Amino acid sequence: MLVFTMLVVFKDNISDELNEIVIKSENEFHQIVERLLKDHYKAILPEYESDSAPLIIREFNTPSGRIDFLALDPASGRIYLIEVKKEDNYRVATSQLLDYVAALKNMPVNELVRAFSAKIGNYENIVKILEKTEFALVAILPEIGDGFRALIDYLNDAGIRIYGIEIKRYKPQNSNEIISINTYPDPEKPRISKKFIKVPSEVDDAMKLICKLAESRGAKELVYYKTSADLRLRKEGHNIVLARIRYRKRDNSLVFALSCRDNTGHLVLCFKITIGVNEILKKTEKLDELLTKIKQAYDSLYQ
């Protein structure tokens, strides 16, 4: 059993004069991560919202293999899938995480409910938390290189939430051991999508107009996260209805897709519509058709 007193800092605060301690084995690396999840979970669970500790399951079995760690944020309902690799093999870690999240999405929700409720003995509370579940993938490695950063950017632009976390150990003289953590992308900094370089200024106006009009049609508590070419809408706190708007440069249009969770907890596409930016700004009949569909979808949510 690995026992030590650690001081957790972020990479920018590490002096070049410190000597790195080589992590000798996969088991040692797993023990460090397990200790961090227990005592410093917000340092390695990006965008963690709860004031209380996460519910942790180690080595959770799926049809695609065994996940190193599952961590549940009780506040947001987000489930973190964590894969730990001592060797700098981000391709293997990423492919495993994608296999695992696909397997989880196809598993009956009650299997996850039983697994997490066993941690706290409250089945009904876990059911409520998992109603708003979304997944975040976390690959923990000793090094994050340019290749992994590029892959992370690509997957995030494609709508797959994934983070890379670099963990290193240092031992200064006459001091506690230092664990250095570097997270990419940094959740504290806005990440700009690289998929589109130039976006007409009227696109932002069109996106904001849809938000405003959708709220007037009953789509309450809409929030959006806008990049240079991307906008997402979701039902805050529930994530039962997920809407996404993607700007399409070739014909200056917005593709609006809205999905709802079915009885098994899977997201199912409700409708998809393409509408020109100019049609939105001029408030044509097609815009009215879109807003009517949004209202119907949100009305069904509360039935």
Protein backbone atom coordinates (compact mmCIF):
# COMPACT_ATOMS: atom_id res chain seq x y z
CA MET A 1 0.00 0.00 0.00
CA LEU A 2 1.42 3.38 -1.02
CA VAL A 3 1.46 5.78 1.95
CA PHE A 4 2.72 9.35 1.70
CA THR A 5 1.81 12.95 2.51
CA MET A 6 1.21 14.91 -0.67
CA LEU A 7 0.99 18.54 -1.63
CA VAL A 8 -1.10 18.98 -4.77
CA VAL A 9 -0.15 21.84 -7.08
CA PHE A 10 -0.76 22.72 -10.70
CA LYS A 11 1.96 22.40 -13.32
CA ASP A 12 2.51 26.15 -13.76
CA ASN A 13 3.68 26.33 -10.14
CA ILE A 14 6.41 23.70 -10.47
CA SER A 15 10.02 24.90 -10.35
CA ASP A 16 12.46 23.63 -12.95
CA GLU A 17 14.87 22.85 -10.09
CA LEU A 18 12.68 20.07 -8.67
CA ASN A 19 13.60 16.47 -9.43
CA GLU A 20 10.83 14.27 -10.76
CA ILE A 21 10.18 10.90 -9.10
CA VAL A 22 9.54 8.16 -11.64
CA ILE A 23 6.29 6.29 -11.05
CA LYS A 24 7.52 2.70 -11.17
CA SER A 25 4.39 0.66 -11.78
CA GLU A 26 0.80 0.77 -13.02
CA ASN A 27 -0.37 -0.20 -9.53
CA GLU A 28 1.52 2.72 -7.96
CA PHE A 29 -0.02 5.13 -10.48
CA HIS A 30 -3.51 3.78 -9.71
CA GLN A 31 -2.92 4.26 -5.99
CA ILE A 32 -1.93 7.89 -6.53
CA VAL A 33 -5.08 8.50 -8.58
CA GLU A 34 -7.22 6.75 -5.97
CA ARG A 35 -5.74 8.96 -3.25
CA LEU A 36 -6.42 12.07 -5.34
CA LEU A 37 -10.02 10.99 -5.92
CA LYS A 38 -10.44 10.65 -2.17
CA ASP A 39 -8.71 13.80 -0.91
CA HIS A 40 -8.30 16.13 -3.92
CA TYR A 41 -11.13 15.11 -6.26
CA LYS A 42 -11.77 18.59 -7.63
CA ALA A 43 -8.20 18.68 -8.92
CA ILE A 44 -8.75 15.72 -11.26
CA LEU A 45 -12.49 15.88 -11.95
CA PRO A 46 -12.87 18.88 -14.28
CA GLU A 47 -16.02 20.99 -13.79
CA TYR A 48 -16.99 19.08 -10.64
CA GLU A 49 -19.95 20.92 -9.08
CA SER A 50 -20.91 19.22 -5.82
CA ASP A 51 -19.73 20.42 -2.41
CA SER A 52 -19.58 16.80 -1.27
CA ALA A 53 -17.22 14.03 -2.35
CA PRO A 54 -17.96 12.02 -5.48
CA LEU A 55 -19.28 8.48 -5.40
CA ILE A 56 -16.41 6.31 -6.63
CA ILE A 57 -16.54 2.83 -8.13
CA ARG A 58 -13.25 1.13 -8.89
CA GLU A 59 -12.96 -1.39 -11.72
CA PHE A 60 -16.53 -1.23 -13.00
CA ASN A 61 -17.28 -4.05 -15.44
CA THR A 62 -18.86 -3.35 -18.83
CA PRO A 63 -19.32 -5.57 -21.90
CA SER A 64 -16.32 -3.73 -23.42
CA GLY A 65 -14.01 -4.22 -20.44
CA ARG A 66 -13.29 -2.93 -16.97
CA ILE A 67 -13.26 0.83 -16.32
CA ASP A 68 -10.50 1.86 -13.91
CA PHE A 69 -12.71 4.34 -12.04
CA LEU A 70 -16.25 5.71 -12.27
CA ALA A 71 -16.94 8.93 -10.36
CA LEU A 72 -20.41 10.43 -9.95
CA ASP A 73 -20.94 14.14 -9.26
CA PRO A 74 -24.17 14.23 -7.18
CA ALA A 75 -24.86 17.86 -8.09
CA SER A 76 -24.64 17.71 -11.89
CA GLY A 77 -25.31 14.00 -12.37
CA ARG A 78 -22.15 13.81 -14.49
CA ILE A 79 -20.39 10.46 -14.54
CA TYR A 80 -16.62 10.56 -15.08
CA LEU A 81 -15.05 7.56 -16.81
CA ILE A 82 -11.40 7.49 -15.76
CA GLU A 83 -8.68 5.48 -17.47
CA VAL A 84 -5.18 5.47 -15.95
CA LYS A 85 -2.10 4.62 -18.02
CA LYS A 86 1.44 4.71 -16.63
CA GLU A 87 2.86 4.52 -20.12
CA ASP A 88 2.29 7.53 -22.37
CA ASN A 89 -0.17 5.72 -24.66
CA TYR A 90 -2.99 8.15 -25.21
CA ARG A 91 -4.33 6.25 -28.23
CA VAL A 92 -5.04 3.14 -26.15
CA ALA A 93 -6.52 5.18 -23.29
CA THR A 94 -8.80 7.13 -25.65
CA SER A 95 -10.00 4.09 -27.59
CA GLN A 96 -10.79 2.28 -24.34
CA LEU A 97 -12.73 5.26 -22.98
CA LEU A 98 -14.78 5.49 -26.18
CA ASP A 99 -15.54 1.76 -25.99
CA TYR A 100 -16.54 2.07 -22.34
CA VAL A 101 -18.84 5.08 -22.76
CA ALA A 102 -20.58 3.37 -25.69
CA ALA A 103 -21.09 0.31 -23.50
CA LEU A 104 -22.44 2.40 -20.61
CA LYS A 105 -24.92 4.18 -22.87
CA ASN A 106 -26.25 0.81 -24.00
CA MET A 107 -26.48 -0.63 -20.49
CA PRO A 108 -29.82 -0.54 -18.62
CA VAL A 109 -29.86 2.52 -16.36
CA ASN A 110 -30.83 0.39 -13.37
CA GLU A 111 -27.40 -1.31 -13.46
CA LEU A 112 -25.70 2.04 -12.83
CA VAL A 113 -28.34 2.91 -10.24
CA ARG A 114 -27.67 -0.30 -8.32
CA ALA A 115 -23.90 0.18 -8.49
CA PHE A 116 -23.93 3.74 -7.14
CA SER A 117 -26.80 3.26 -4.67
CA ALA A 118 -24.75 0.48 -3.04
CA LYS A 119 -22.29 3.21 -2.04
CA ILE A 120 -24.84 5.25 -0.09
CA GLY A 121 -27.77 2.89 0.37
CA ASN A 122 -30.25 5.33 -1.17
CA TYR A 123 -31.75 3.89 -4.36
CA GLU A 124 -34.36 6.61 -4.96
CA ASN A 125 -31.86 9.44 -4.59
CA ILE A 126 -29.50 7.87 -7.14
CA VAL A 127 -32.41 7.43 -9.57
CA LYS A 128 -33.09 11.18 -9.41
CA ILE A 129 -29.40 12.05 -9.86
CA LEU A 130 -28.99 9.78 -12.87
CA GLU A 131 -32.02 11.31 -14.61
CA LYS A 132 -29.71 14.14 -15.64
CA THR A 133 -26.63 12.05 -16.37
CA GLU A 134 -24.02 13.05 -18.91
CA PHE A 135 -20.62 11.46 -19.36
CA ALA A 136 -17.13 12.93 -19.21
CA LEU A 137 -14.07 10.95 -20.28
CA VAL A 138 -10.81 11.42 -18.38
CA ALA A 139 -7.50 9.91 -19.48
CA ILE A 140 -4.78 10.20 -16.81
CA LEU A 141 -1.23 9.88 -18.12
CA PRO A 142 2.30 10.86 -17.08
CA GLU A 143 2.57 13.15 -20.11
CA ILE A 144 0.20 15.06 -22.41
CA GLY A 145 1.80 15.70 -25.78
CA ASP A 146 0.73 17.68 -28.83
CA GLY A 147 -0.80 14.60 -30.47
CA PHE A 148 -3.11 13.95 -27.54
CA ARG A 149 -4.06 17.64 -27.32
CA ALA A 150 -5.05 17.60 -31.00
CA LEU A 151 -7.16 14.46 -30.47
CA ILE A 152 -8.85 15.99 -27.42
CA ASP A 153 -9.70 19.13 -29.41
CA TYR A 154 -11.13 17.05 -32.25
CA LEU A 155 -13.33 14.92 -29.97
CA ASN A 156 -14.59 17.93 -28.02
CA ASP A 157 -15.46 19.69 -31.29
CA ALA A 158 -17.42 16.55 -32.22
CA GLY A 159 -19.42 16.80 -29.00
CA ILE A 160 -17.53 14.19 -26.95
CA ARG A 161 -16.49 15.62 -23.58
CA ILE A 162 -12.95 14.39 -22.89
CA TYR A 163 -10.05 15.61 -20.76
CA GLY A 164 -6.42 14.65 -20.52
CA ILE A 165 -4.75 14.90 -17.11
CA GLU A 166 -0.99 14.79 -16.67
CA ILE A 167 0.25 13.69 -13.25
CA LYS A 168 3.87 13.86 -12.08
CA ARG A 169 5.60 13.32 -8.71
CA TYR A 170 8.32 15.45 -7.17
CA LYS A 171 10.17 15.22 -3.83
CA PRO A 172 11.87 18.42 -2.66
CA GLN A 173 14.40 18.22 0.16
CA ASN A 174 12.87 18.46 3.64
CA SER A 175 9.36 18.76 2.28
CA ASN A 176 6.27 16.74 1.52
CA GLU A 177 5.99 15.03 -1.82
CA ILE A 178 4.49 17.19 -4.53
CA ILE A 179 1.93 15.93 -7.03
CA SER A 180 1.77 18.12 -10.14
CA ILE A 181 -1.50 18.15 -12.11
CA ASN A 182 -1.99 19.54 -15.60
CA THR A 183 -5.49 19.36 -17.15
CA TYR A 184 -6.23 19.80 -20.84
CA PRO A 185 -8.39 21.57 -21.81
CA ASP A 186 -8.28 23.84 -18.78
CA PRO A 187 -11.92 24.00 -17.54
CA GLU A 188 -11.26 27.48 -16.14
CA LYS A 189 -10.46 28.90 -19.57
CA PRO A 190 -12.87 29.21 -22.52
CA ARG A 191 -12.04 26.77 -25.29
CA ILE A 192 -12.47 28.07 -28.81
CA SER A 193 -13.50 25.53 -31.41
CA LYS A 194 -10.98 25.22 -34.26
CA LYS A 195 -13.45 23.65 -36.65
CA PHE A 196 -14.44 26.92 -38.30
CA ILE A 197 -12.14 29.88 -38.77
CA LYS A 198 -14.47 32.64 -39.92
CA VAL A 199 -18.12 32.96 -38.96
CA PRO A 200 -20.36 35.81 -40.16
CA SER A 201 -21.32 38.21 -37.38
CA GLU A 202 -25.03 37.65 -38.06
CA VAL A 203 -24.68 34.00 -36.97
CA ASP A 204 -24.31 35.05 -33.34
CA ASP A 205 -27.38 37.27 -33.68
CA ALA A 206 -29.35 34.36 -35.19
CA MET A 207 -28.33 31.99 -32.42
CA LYS A 208 -29.27 34.46 -29.70
CA LEU A 209 -32.59 35.12 -31.42
CA ILE A 210 -33.44 31.41 -31.39
CA CYS A 211 -32.63 31.26 -27.67
CA LYS A 212 -34.82 34.24 -26.90
CA LEU A 213 -37.76 33.10 -29.02
CA ALA A 214 -37.48 29.48 -27.82
CA GLU A 215 -37.78 30.67 -24.22
CA SER A 216 -40.90 32.61 -25.18
CA ARG A 217 -42.37 29.35 -26.57
CA GLY A 218 -41.97 27.41 -23.34
CA ALA A 219 -38.40 26.15 -23.52
CA LYS A 220 -37.60 27.33 -20.02
CA GLU A 221 -34.17 27.58 -18.40
CA LEU A 222 -32.25 27.33 -21.62
CA VAL A 223 -28.53 27.88 -21.35
CA TYR A 224 -26.01 27.90 -24.15
CA TYR A 225 -22.29 27.47 -24.58
CA LYS A 226 -21.13 29.26 -27.72
CA THR A 227 -17.86 28.75 -29.53
CA SER A 228 -16.93 30.46 -32.76
CA ALA A 229 -19.31 28.17 -34.62
CA ASP A 230 -21.21 26.13 -32.11
CA LEU A 231 -24.15 26.54 -29.78
CA ARG A 232 -25.73 24.05 -27.44
CA LEU A 233 -29.01 24.29 -25.60
CA ARG A 234 -30.13 21.99 -22.82
CA LYS A 235 -32.72 21.80 -20.08
CA GLU A 236 -30.68 23.01 -17.15
CA GLY A 237 -30.53 20.64 -14.21
CA HIS A 238 -32.19 17.77 -16.04
CA ASN A 239 -30.45 17.28 -19.39
CA ILE A 240 -33.48 15.25 -20.49
CA VAL A 241 -33.89 17.35 -23.60
CA LEU A 242 -30.73 18.24 -25.46
CA ALA A 243 -30.73 20.64 -28.37
CA ARG A 244 -27.74 21.49 -30.46
CA ILE A 245 -27.28 24.09 -33.17
CA ARG A 246 -24.40 23.69 -35.61
CA TYR A 247 -23.45 26.44 -38.02
CA ARG A 248 -22.96 25.19 -41.58
CA LYS A 249 -20.63 27.49 -43.44
CA ARG A 250 -21.21 26.25 -46.99
CA ASP A 251 -24.78 27.57 -47.17
CA ASN A 252 -24.78 30.00 -44.22
CA SER A 253 -27.38 27.99 -42.33
CA LEU A 254 -27.95 26.56 -38.87
CA VAL A 255 -28.70 22.87 -38.38
CA PHE A 256 -30.90 22.43 -35.32
CA ALA A 257 -31.21 18.93 -33.80
CA LEU A 258 -33.21 18.16 -30.68
CA SER A 259 -33.01 14.87 -28.76
CA CYS A 260 -35.00 13.52 -25.81
CA ARG A 261 -34.27 10.68 -23.41
CA ASP A 262 -36.46 7.60 -23.83
CA ASN A 263 -37.60 5.25 -21.03
CA THR A 264 -34.23 3.47 -21.04
CA GLY A 265 -32.30 6.71 -20.56
CA HIS A 266 -30.88 6.90 -24.08
CA LEU A 267 -30.98 10.07 -26.14
CA VAL A 268 -33.21 9.69 -29.19
CA LEU A 269 -33.35 12.24 -32.00
CA CYS A 270 -36.75 13.99 -31.97
CA PHE A 271 -36.28 16.19 -34.99
CA LYS A 272 -33.67 17.90 -37.12
CA ILE A 273 -34.18 21.00 -39.21
CA THR A 274 -31.91 23.20 -41.34
CA ILE A 275 -32.71 26.89 -41.48
CA GLY A 276 -30.84 29.73 -43.16
CA VAL A 277 -29.37 32.48 -41.02
CA ASN A 278 -31.26 35.09 -43.06
CA GLU A 279 -34.53 33.20 -42.57
CA ILE A 280 -34.00 33.42 -38.82
CA LEU A 281 -33.21 37.12 -38.81
CA LYS A 282 -36.20 37.87 -41.07
CA LYS A 283 -38.43 35.65 -38.89
CA THR A 284 -39.87 33.61 -41.75
CA GLU A 285 -42.42 30.79 -41.56
CA LYS A 286 -39.63 28.23 -41.26
CA LEU A 287 -38.45 29.86 -38.06
CA ASP A 288 -41.98 29.67 -36.72
CA GLU A 289 -42.07 25.96 -37.63
CA LEU A 290 -38.86 25.39 -35.67
CA LEU A 291 -40.13 27.24 -32.60
CA THR A 292 -43.40 25.30 -32.67
CA LYS A 293 -41.47 22.02 -32.63
CA ILE A 294 -39.33 23.26 -29.74
CA LYS A 295 -42.46 24.12 -27.77
CA GLN A 296 -44.00 20.70 -28.46
CA ALA A 297 -40.85 18.93 -27.34
CA TYR A 298 -40.63 20.85 -24.08
CA ASP A 299 -44.37 20.50 -23.44
CA SER A 300 -44.00 16.72 -23.71
CA LEU A 301 -41.20 16.87 -21.15
CA TYR A 302 -43.60 18.08 -18.48
CA GLN A 303 -46.51 15.77 -19.28
